[in-house]
Amino acid sequence: MTPRALIVDDEPDLCELLGITLRRMDVRTEVAHDLAGARALLGSQKFDLCLTDMRLPDGDGLELVEWLQNEQPSLPVAVITAHGNVEAAVRALKLGAFDFVAKPIDLDRLRKLVHTALRLNTGSSAAPGDDASADQASGTRLLGDSPPMQELRRMIAKVARSQAPVHICGESGTGKELVARMIHEASPRRSGAFVPVNCGAVPAELMESEFFGHRKGSFTGAVADKDGLFQSAEGGTLFLDEVADLPLHMQVKLLRVLQEKSIRPVGQTKEMPVDVRILSATHRNLAQRVREGQFREDLFYRINVIELRVPPLRERGDDVLVLARHILARLAREMDLDVPSLTEAAARKLAGHGFPGNVRELENVLERALTLASDAQIDAGDIQLSSEPVAGDSAAGMSAAQAEGAPLGSALEDIEREAIRKALEQTRYNKTAAAKLLGMSFRSLRYRIKKLGLE
């Protein structure tokens, strides 16, 4: 069926411009000039999209956004704002608006907004309030049925229908990137790219080029044009992990992108429009960073339009054992082993631990336990847990010294890889003999061969 849009505005010229543009996209339009007329039409006819101005003769367009959230929450509504009125745009998004478009209206931007909004009504995106819908609509899974996880799934399904920036907060190792992927995969942007970037891992001097791209000859070493992360995420989602680590000069540039929806590659004089949804995450307290002057307050409010909190593992009750069995099954499959069971003592030990490193720590614990177990069962003695809880914003349960020692781990892996290779050669690739030579169990050797890529 031909999609239908309601235009709510008291300016005849703007209504005509919007009507012509939408009709050329094969979208039928109706026009209301005030809130009362809009409510009457919405009550008597079915629409696939609503476009409303902020200023109307009998009230504010935000009143219509609120009314629709109660009466027709599945109808995407976009707000037309004055140019530069970022505050109004953010308020609209917080109230539930699907998106916003600024005057004077950029018709390309409007067409993209309409296309994205209409994809919401194809029936394949997640529906608000359905706890399982976000899992079903995406290829990723959020395991666990504890009340905090049920609420998180409900929120993922709800925010997936919007274009508003979402900030995902939570301790290290809780699965913030998984949540971001689920939002993307349950959204009308799911056919576009999901581009994750760790803001703390990009060198400050290369950050502008990495994010916005550059033109040939714009600096020494720029031997060809290069697209940045924003261009790679065009039509999709850009996930800014550890956004608190962005240097201040990049915070200014990111704020402009969010406000103007355009970027300027290094070495290019003209800006170019981008159609990208921004999701961000950090394990740090971003509000505290604002108070300390380490993060811009205006950017904080712009990326934090909707906040999702991912609960730590210690708040998820029996989810620990659900996750443990799922992780063990995956690890055993990767190692070509039979799936081991957990003894009651092992299950009690896992359930009683606080897991300061959260799901990532649980994975590491089980990975070690699988190599230590001598038979098809994992017992309490095979599970080595951290002796003391670590602060919530630790790096995946590691101390700062351990995190700084990560390169040492790579060097040790190289030494271990070479020792295993020599032992295999010495025993003519007899793994049982090689394990005995190395002083480890056959099971442990088989795991290390798989882990170190020596198959």
Protein backbone atom coordinates (compact mmCIF):
# COMPACT_ATOMS: atom_id res chain seq x y z
CA MET A 1 0.00 0.00 0.00
CA THR A 2 1.08 3.58 -0.66
CA PRO A 3 2.54 5.06 2.56
CA ARG A 4 0.85 8.13 4.02
CA ALA A 5 2.35 11.08 5.89
CA LEU A 6 0.76 13.83 7.95
CA ILE A 7 2.35 17.31 7.66
CA VAL A 8 1.54 19.65 10.56
CA ASP A 9 2.53 23.27 9.82
CA ASP A 10 0.84 26.64 9.43
CA GLU A 11 3.20 27.92 6.70
CA PRO A 12 1.57 27.24 3.27
CA ASP A 13 4.90 27.47 1.38
CA LEU A 14 6.59 24.92 3.64
CA CYS A 15 3.58 22.58 3.46
CA GLU A 16 3.71 22.77 -0.34
CA LEU A 17 7.47 22.06 -0.43
CA LEU A 18 7.11 19.07 1.90
CA GLY A 19 4.07 17.79 0.01
CA ILE A 20 5.79 17.95 -3.41
CA THR A 21 8.93 16.24 -2.06
CA LEU A 22 7.00 13.40 -0.42
CA ARG A 23 4.67 12.87 -3.38
CA ARG A 24 7.72 12.47 -5.63
CA MET A 25 8.73 9.67 -3.25
CA ASP A 26 5.29 8.05 -3.77
CA VAL A 27 4.12 9.08 -0.30
CA ARG A 28 0.57 10.43 -0.01
CA THR A 29 0.23 13.47 2.24
CA GLU A 30 -2.41 15.17 4.36
CA VAL A 31 -1.95 18.59 5.93
CA ALA A 32 -3.05 20.00 9.28
CA HIS A 33 -2.35 23.62 10.21
CA ASP A 34 -2.66 23.30 14.01
CA LEU A 35 -2.63 20.79 16.87
CA ALA A 36 -6.40 20.38 16.93
CA GLY A 37 -6.52 19.55 13.23
CA ALA A 38 -3.60 17.15 13.58
CA ARG A 39 -5.26 15.25 16.44
CA ALA A 40 -8.51 15.01 14.48
CA LEU A 41 -6.77 13.54 11.41
CA LEU A 42 -4.64 11.18 13.49
CA GLY A 43 -7.78 9.95 15.24
CA SER A 44 -9.68 9.23 12.02
CA GLN A 45 -7.00 8.09 9.55
CA LYS A 46 -3.94 5.84 9.50
CA PHE A 47 -0.52 7.36 8.84
CA ASP A 48 2.99 5.93 8.47
CA LEU A 49 4.83 9.17 9.37
CA CYS A 50 4.13 12.53 10.97
CA LEU A 51 6.17 15.71 10.31
CA THR A 52 5.39 18.60 12.67
CA ASP A 53 6.71 22.10 13.10
CA MET A 54 7.70 23.27 16.58
CA ARG A 55 5.61 26.44 16.50
CA LEU A 56 1.89 26.05 15.81
CA PRO A 57 -0.97 28.55 16.27
CA ASP A 58 -2.55 26.64 19.16
CA GLY A 59 0.51 25.21 20.88
CA ASP A 60 3.90 23.53 20.59
CA GLY A 61 4.85 20.65 18.28
CA LEU A 62 6.32 18.92 21.33
CA GLU A 63 2.79 18.60 22.71
CA LEU A 64 1.93 16.53 19.65
CA VAL A 65 5.03 14.36 20.17
CA GLU A 66 3.95 13.65 23.76
CA TRP A 67 0.35 12.99 22.71
CA LEU A 68 1.49 10.51 20.05
CA GLN A 69 3.71 8.66 22.55
CA ASN A 70 0.58 7.91 24.55
CA GLU A 71 -1.93 7.42 21.74
CA GLN A 72 0.10 5.99 18.83
CA PRO A 73 3.61 5.07 20.08
CA SER A 74 4.42 3.07 16.94
CA LEU A 75 3.97 6.11 14.62
CA PRO A 76 7.33 7.79 13.90
CA VAL A 77 7.10 11.57 14.33
CA ALA A 78 9.84 13.95 13.18
CA VAL A 79 10.08 17.56 14.37
CA ILE A 80 10.96 20.59 12.20
CA THR A 81 13.14 22.98 14.22
CA ALA A 82 14.69 26.38 13.63
CA HIS A 83 18.29 26.23 12.39
CA GLY A 84 20.74 25.96 15.28
CA ASN A 85 18.04 25.30 17.89
CA VAL A 86 19.80 22.24 19.27
CA GLU A 87 18.03 22.49 22.63
CA ALA A 88 14.63 22.07 21.00
CA ALA A 89 15.86 19.15 18.91
CA VAL A 90 17.26 17.35 21.98
CA ARG A 91 14.01 17.94 23.91
CA ALA A 92 12.03 16.49 21.02
CA LEU A 93 14.22 13.37 20.91
CA LYS A 94 13.97 12.92 24.68
CA LEU A 95 10.16 13.09 24.43
CA GLY A 96 10.15 10.32 21.84
CA ALA A 97 10.51 12.02 18.46
CA PHE A 98 11.94 9.71 15.81
CA ASP A 99 14.24 12.43 14.41
CA PHE A 100 14.40 16.12 13.60
CA VAL A 101 15.09 18.27 10.54
CA ALA A 102 16.22 21.91 10.69
CA LYS A 103 15.04 24.90 8.63
CA PRO A 104 15.90 25.76 5.91
CA ILE A 105 15.08 22.15 5.02
CA ASP A 106 17.75 20.15 3.21
CA LEU A 107 15.68 18.00 0.84
CA ASP A 108 18.30 15.22 0.62
CA ARG A 109 18.35 15.01 4.41
CA LEU A 110 14.52 15.01 4.46
CA ARG A 111 14.33 12.18 1.92
CA LYS A 112 16.76 10.05 3.97
CA LEU A 113 14.69 10.70 7.11
CA VAL A 114 11.48 9.65 5.33
CA HIS A 115 13.06 6.47 3.92
CA THR A 116 14.36 5.47 7.37
CA ALA A 117 11.04 6.22 9.06
CA LEU A 118 9.04 4.19 6.55
CA ARG A 119 11.33 1.18 7.09
CA LEU A 120 10.05 1.10 10.68
CA ASN A 121 6.67 -0.07 9.43
CA THR A 122 7.91 -3.06 7.45
CA GLY A 123 7.10 -5.31 10.41
CA SER A 124 10.66 -6.60 10.87
CA SER A 125 11.92 -4.15 13.48
CA ALA A 126 11.56 -4.76 17.19
CA ALA A 127 8.37 -3.67 18.89
CA PRO A 128 8.50 -1.70 22.15
CA GLY A 129 7.44 -3.67 25.18
CA ASP A 130 8.28 -7.08 23.74
CA ASP A 131 11.06 -8.46 25.93
CA ALA A 132 12.26 -10.98 23.34
CA SER A 133 11.85 -8.84 20.23
CA ALA A 134 15.31 -7.27 20.29
CA ASP A 135 16.89 -10.74 20.42
CA GLN A 136 14.65 -12.05 17.65
CA ALA A 137 15.30 -9.08 15.36
CA SER A 138 19.05 -9.36 15.68
CA GLY A 139 21.69 -11.97 15.10
CA THR A 140 23.15 -11.33 18.56
CA ARG A 141 21.78 -12.58 21.85
CA LEU A 142 21.50 -11.09 25.30
CA LEU A 143 21.38 -14.06 27.67
CA GLY A 144 19.63 -14.12 31.03
CA ASP A 145 16.11 -13.68 32.37
CA SER A 146 16.82 -11.62 35.50
CA PRO A 147 14.60 -8.52 35.91
CA PRO A 148 17.46 -6.10 35.01
CA MET A 149 18.05 -7.96 31.73
CA GLN A 150 14.35 -8.09 30.88
CA GLU A 151 14.21 -4.31 31.36
CA LEU A 152 17.35 -3.82 29.26
CA ARG A 153 15.87 -5.86 26.40
CA ARG A 154 12.67 -3.83 26.60
CA MET A 155 14.64 -0.58 26.37
CA ILE A 156 16.76 -1.85 23.46
CA ALA A 157 13.60 -2.63 21.51
CA LYS A 158 12.20 0.81 22.29
CA VAL A 159 15.26 2.93 21.44
CA ALA A 160 15.89 0.90 18.26
CA ARG A 161 12.89 2.68 16.69
CA SER A 162 14.41 6.13 17.23
CA GLN A 163 17.30 7.96 15.60
CA ALA A 164 18.24 9.64 18.87
CA PRO A 165 21.83 9.26 20.13
CA VAL A 166 22.04 6.62 22.86
CA HIS A 167 24.71 6.50 25.55
CA ILE A 168 25.35 3.04 26.99
CA CYS A 169 26.95 3.06 30.43
CA GLY A 170 28.17 0.19 32.54
CA GLU A 171 31.25 -1.39 34.04
CA SER A 172 33.96 -2.96 31.91
CA GLY A 173 33.09 -6.39 30.60
CA THR A 174 29.29 -6.05 30.88
CA GLY A 175 28.63 -6.25 27.14
CA LYS A 176 28.10 -2.64 26.07
CA GLU A 177 29.15 -3.31 22.47
CA LEU A 178 26.72 -6.24 22.31
CA VAL A 179 23.92 -3.88 23.39
CA ALA A 180 24.95 -1.37 20.72
CA ARG A 181 24.91 -4.11 18.04
CA MET A 182 21.46 -5.20 19.16
CA ILE A 183 20.13 -1.64 18.90
CA HIS A 184 21.54 -1.41 15.37
CA GLU A 185 20.26 -4.82 14.27
CA ALA A 186 16.74 -4.15 15.60
CA SER A 187 16.60 -0.70 13.95
CA PRO A 188 15.59 0.48 10.46
CA ARG A 189 19.34 0.98 9.84
CA ARG A 190 20.07 -2.75 10.14
CA SER A 191 20.82 -3.02 6.39
CA GLY A 192 23.61 -0.44 6.83
CA ALA A 193 27.01 -0.92 8.43
CA PHE A 194 27.68 -1.14 12.17
CA VAL A 195 31.07 0.52 12.66
CA PRO A 196 32.63 0.24 16.16
CA VAL A 197 35.65 2.30 17.19
CA ASN A 198 37.51 2.43 20.50
CA CYS A 199 38.14 6.16 21.00
CA GLY A 200 41.01 5.47 23.39
CA ALA A 201 42.86 3.36 20.83
CA VAL A 202 43.13 6.02 18.09
CA PRO A 203 46.26 8.25 18.35
CA ALA A 204 45.26 11.89 18.90
CA GLU A 205 47.25 13.12 15.89
CA LEU A 206 45.43 10.69 13.55
CA MET A 207 41.98 11.03 15.06
CA GLU A 208 40.55 13.66 12.71
CA SER A 209 41.69 11.72 9.63
CA GLU A 210 40.38 8.42 11.04
CA PHE A 211 36.96 9.85 11.84
CA PHE A 212 36.38 12.18 8.88
CA GLY A 213 38.78 10.88 6.21
CA HIS A 214 41.29 12.93 4.23
CA ARG A 215 42.12 14.04 0.72
CA LYS A 216 45.27 13.16 -1.20
CA GLY A 217 48.15 15.52 -0.37
CA SER A 218 46.44 17.02 2.70
CA PHE A 219 49.43 16.01 4.85
CA THR A 220 52.68 14.06 4.55
CA GLY A 221 51.80 10.44 3.86
CA ALA A 222 48.33 11.16 2.43
CA VAL A 223 49.07 9.50 -0.90
CA ALA A 224 45.40 8.88 -1.77
CA ASP A 225 41.91 9.94 -0.75
CA LYS A 226 40.66 7.98 2.26
CA ASP A 227 37.18 7.69 3.72
CA GLY A 228 36.83 7.98 7.48
CA LEU A 229 34.67 6.11 9.97
CA PHE A 230 31.68 8.39 9.37
CA GLN A 231 31.70 7.66 5.62
CA SER A 232 32.06 3.92 6.37
CA ALA A 233 28.97 4.09 8.60
CA GLU A 234 26.84 6.03 6.06
CA GLY A 235 23.24 4.87 6.36
CA GLY A 236 24.13 2.80 9.41
CA THR A 237 25.45 3.19 12.95
CA LEU A 238 28.75 4.48 14.36
CA PHE A 239 29.52 3.11 17.83
CA LEU A 240 31.94 5.26 19.82
CA ASP A 241 33.27 2.99 22.56
CA GLU A 242 35.09 4.63 25.49
CA VAL A 243 33.86 8.02 24.28
CA ALA A 244 35.17 9.59 27.53
CA ASP A 245 38.69 9.17 26.10
CA LEU A 246 38.08 11.58 23.20
CA PRO A 247 40.45 14.56 23.44
CA LEU A 248 38.79 17.96 23.82
CA HIS A 249 39.58 19.12 20.27
CA MET A 250 37.75 16.08 18.86
CA GLN A 251 34.84 16.62 21.23
CA VAL A 252 34.28 20.01 19.58
CA LYS A 253 34.31 18.46 16.10
CA LEU A 254 31.98 15.62 17.11
CA LEU A 255 29.52 18.11 18.59
CA ARG A 256 29.41 19.96 15.26
CA VAL A 257 28.77 16.71 13.37
CA LEU A 258 25.85 15.90 15.67
CA GLN A 259 24.38 19.38 15.23
CA GLU A 260 24.96 19.90 11.51
CA LYS A 261 24.87 16.24 10.35
CA SER A 262 27.84 16.95 8.10
CA ILE A 263 31.62 16.44 8.14
CA ARG A 264 34.66 17.98 6.47
CA PRO A 265 37.46 15.57 5.52
CA VAL A 266 41.01 16.81 6.20
CA GLY A 267 42.19 18.81 3.19
CA GLN A 268 38.68 19.44 1.82
CA THR A 269 37.12 22.91 1.88
CA LYS A 270 33.47 21.90 1.60
CA GLU A 271 31.45 19.99 4.15
CA MET A 272 29.62 16.83 3.10
CA PRO A 273 26.36 15.54 4.62
CA VAL A 274 26.36 12.27 6.56
CA ASP A 275 23.47 10.04 7.58
CA VAL A 276 24.79 8.18 10.61
CA ARG A 277 23.27 7.29 13.97
CA ILE A 278 25.63 7.73 16.91
CA LEU A 279 25.75 5.26 19.78
CA SER A 280 28.37 5.74 22.49
CA ALA A 281 29.58 3.93 25.58
CA THR A 282 32.01 4.24 28.45
CA HIS A 283 32.76 2.52 31.73
CA ARG A 284 33.65 5.90 33.26
CA ASN A 285 31.29 8.29 35.06
CA LEU A 286 30.75 10.78 32.22
CA ALA A 287 28.92 13.32 34.41
CA GLN A 288 31.92 13.32 36.75
CA ARG A 289 34.24 13.89 33.76
CA VAL A 290 32.10 16.92 32.86
CA ARG A 291 32.46 18.31 36.39
CA GLU A 292 36.22 17.80 36.19
CA GLY A 293 36.41 19.70 32.89
CA GLN A 294 37.54 16.59 30.98
CA PHE A 295 34.38 16.30 28.86
CA ARG A 296 32.32 19.07 27.28
CA GLU A 297 28.94 19.58 28.92
CA ASP A 298 27.22 20.44 25.61
CA LEU A 299 28.49 17.23 24.01
CA PHE A 300 27.45 15.22 27.08
CA TYR A 301 23.84 16.36 26.74
CA ARG A 302 23.93 15.78 22.97
CA ILE A 303 25.12 12.15 23.09
CA ASN A 304 23.21 11.35 26.28
CA VAL A 305 19.74 11.98 24.86
CA ILE A 306 18.80 8.43 25.89
CA GLU A 307 20.87 6.57 28.50
CA LEU A 308 20.95 2.78 28.82
CA ARG A 309 22.59 1.15 31.81
CA VAL A 310 23.97 -2.35 31.37
CA PRO A 311 23.79 -4.08 34.77
CA PRO A 312 26.93 -5.69 36.25
CA LEU A 313 26.96 -9.47 36.57
CA ARG A 314 26.65 -9.32 40.36
CA GLU A 315 23.14 -7.79 39.97
CA ARG A 316 21.93 -10.52 37.62
CA GLY A 317 21.36 -13.43 40.01
CA ASP A 318 21.10 -16.85 38.34
CA ASP A 319 22.12 -15.36 34.98
CA VAL A 320 25.71 -16.20 36.01
CA LEU A 321 25.10 -19.92 35.60
CA VAL A 322 23.06 -19.46 32.40
CA LEU A 323 25.98 -17.52 30.93
CA ALA A 324 28.55 -19.99 32.27
CA ARG A 325 26.90 -22.97 30.55
CA HIS A 326 26.53 -21.04 27.29
CA ILE A 327 30.18 -19.92 27.37
CA LEU A 328 31.41 -23.43 28.17
CA ALA A 329 29.44 -24.84 25.22
CA ARG A 330 30.98 -22.24 22.88
CA LEU A 331 34.53 -22.77 24.17
CA ALA A 332 34.21 -26.56 23.91
CA ARG A 333 32.96 -26.21 20.34
CA GLU A 334 35.93 -23.97 19.46
CA MET A 335 38.37 -26.46 21.03
CA ASP A 336 36.65 -29.50 19.52
CA LEU A 337 35.95 -30.93 22.99
CA ASP A 338 32.90 -32.49 24.61
CA VAL A 339 30.90 -29.91 26.55
CA PRO A 340 31.84 -30.29 30.23
CA SER A 341 29.32 -30.04 33.06
CA LEU A 342 29.68 -27.97 36.22
CA THR A 343 29.66 -29.79 39.54
CA GLU A 344 27.41 -28.39 42.26
CA ALA A 345 30.49 -27.09 44.08
CA ALA A 346 31.71 -25.32 40.93
CA ALA A 347 28.28 -23.79 40.34
CA ARG A 348 28.14 -22.53 43.94
CA LYS A 349 31.62 -21.03 43.61
CA LEU A 350 30.67 -19.15 40.44
CA ALA A 351 27.31 -17.99 41.84
CA GLY A 352 28.97 -16.65 44.99
CA HIS A 353 31.64 -14.57 43.24
CA GLY A 354 31.18 -10.82 42.62
CA PHE A 355 32.86 -10.81 39.17
CA PRO A 356 34.41 -7.32 39.15
CA GLY A 357 35.38 -7.96 35.52
CA ASN A 358 31.81 -9.06 34.70
CA VAL A 359 31.08 -11.29 31.67
CA ARG A 360 34.60 -10.88 30.30
CA GLU A 361 36.06 -12.12 33.60
CA LEU A 362 33.62 -15.05 33.61
CA GLU A 363 34.81 -16.02 30.12
CA ASN A 364 38.46 -15.89 31.20
CA VAL A 365 37.75 -17.96 34.33
CA LEU A 366 35.93 -20.64 32.34
CA GLU A 367 38.59 -20.70 29.63
CA ARG A 368 41.23 -21.48 32.28
CA ALA A 369 38.94 -24.00 33.99
CA LEU A 370 38.40 -25.89 30.74
CA THR A 371 42.14 -26.38 30.29
CA LEU A 372 42.65 -27.42 33.93
CA ALA A 373 39.78 -29.92 34.12
CA SER A 374 41.00 -33.50 33.83
CA ASP A 375 37.68 -35.05 32.78
CA ALA A 376 34.23 -34.11 31.47
CA GLN A 377 33.41 -32.18 34.63
CA ILE A 378 34.58 -28.82 35.93
CA ASP A 379 34.93 -28.86 39.71
CA ALA A 380 35.44 -26.00 42.16
CA GLY A 381 39.20 -26.63 42.20
CA ASP A 382 39.41 -25.96 38.48
CA ILE A 383 37.94 -22.47 38.92
CA GLN A 384 40.49 -19.80 39.81
CA LEU A 385 38.82 -16.57 40.91
CA SER A 386 40.29 -13.16 41.74
CA SER A 387 40.83 -13.02 45.49
CA GLU A 388 39.52 -9.50 46.04
CA PRO A 389 36.82 -7.43 44.30
CA VAL A 390 38.11 -4.74 41.95
CA ALA A 391 36.54 -1.29 41.46
CA GLY A 392 33.71 -1.14 38.92
CA ASP A 393 35.62 0.81 36.31
CA SER A 394 38.59 -1.54 36.21
CA ALA A 395 39.81 -2.67 32.82
CA ALA A 396 37.90 -5.97 32.61
CA GLY A 397 38.82 -6.86 36.18
CA MET A 398 42.56 -6.23 35.63
CA SER A 399 44.65 -3.85 37.67
CA ALA A 400 46.23 -0.85 35.95
CA ALA A 401 49.60 -2.60 36.14
CA GLN A 402 48.18 -5.71 34.47
CA ALA A 403 46.59 -3.61 31.73
CA GLU A 404 49.91 -1.87 31.06
CA GLY A 405 51.56 -5.29 30.93
CA ALA A 406 49.42 -6.46 28.00
CA PRO A 407 52.36 -6.30 25.51
CA LEU A 408 54.27 -8.67 27.83
CA GLY A 409 51.43 -11.18 27.39
CA SER A 410 51.90 -11.10 23.63
CA ALA A 411 55.63 -11.74 24.02
CA LEU A 412 54.98 -14.70 26.35
CA GLU A 413 52.52 -16.15 23.83
CA ASP A 414 55.24 -16.00 21.16
CA ILE A 415 57.63 -17.89 23.47
CA GLU A 416 54.94 -20.46 24.28
CA ARG A 417 54.08 -20.89 20.59
CA GLU A 418 57.73 -21.57 19.74
CA ALA A 419 58.13 -24.07 22.62
CA ILE A 420 55.04 -26.02 21.50
CA ARG A 421 56.19 -26.00 17.87
CA LYS A 422 59.61 -27.40 18.85
CA ALA A 423 58.05 -30.08 21.08
CA LEU A 424 55.73 -31.18 18.26
CA GLU A 425 58.61 -31.36 15.80
CA GLN A 426 60.75 -33.27 18.31
CA THR A 427 57.98 -35.87 18.85
CA ARG A 428 57.06 -36.08 15.14
CA TYR A 429 53.74 -34.36 15.90
CA ASN A 430 52.65 -36.92 18.48
CA LYS A 431 50.54 -34.68 20.75
CA THR A 432 50.48 -37.12 23.66
CA ALA A 433 54.30 -37.30 23.66
CA ALA A 434 54.61 -33.54 23.13
CA ALA A 435 52.32 -32.88 26.12
CA LYS A 436 54.46 -35.15 28.31
CA LEU A 437 57.62 -33.40 27.10
CA LEU A 438 56.14 -30.01 27.95
CA GLY A 439 54.83 -31.14 31.33
CA MET A 440 51.16 -30.49 30.62
CA SER A 441 48.03 -32.58 30.08
CA PHE A 442 47.01 -33.67 26.59
CA ARG A 443 43.79 -31.64 27.01
CA SER A 444 45.76 -28.50 27.90
CA LEU A 445 48.09 -28.94 24.93
CA ARG A 446 45.21 -29.40 22.53
CA TYR A 447 43.62 -26.21 23.87
CA ARG A 448 46.88 -24.23 23.62
CA ILE A 449 47.43 -25.42 20.02
CA LYS A 450 43.94 -24.17 19.14
CA LYS A 451 44.33 -20.94 21.10
CA LEU A 452 47.72 -20.05 19.61
CA GLY A 453 46.69 -20.86 16.04
CA LEU A 454 49.02 -23.86 15.64
CA GLU A 455 46.52 -26.30 14.09
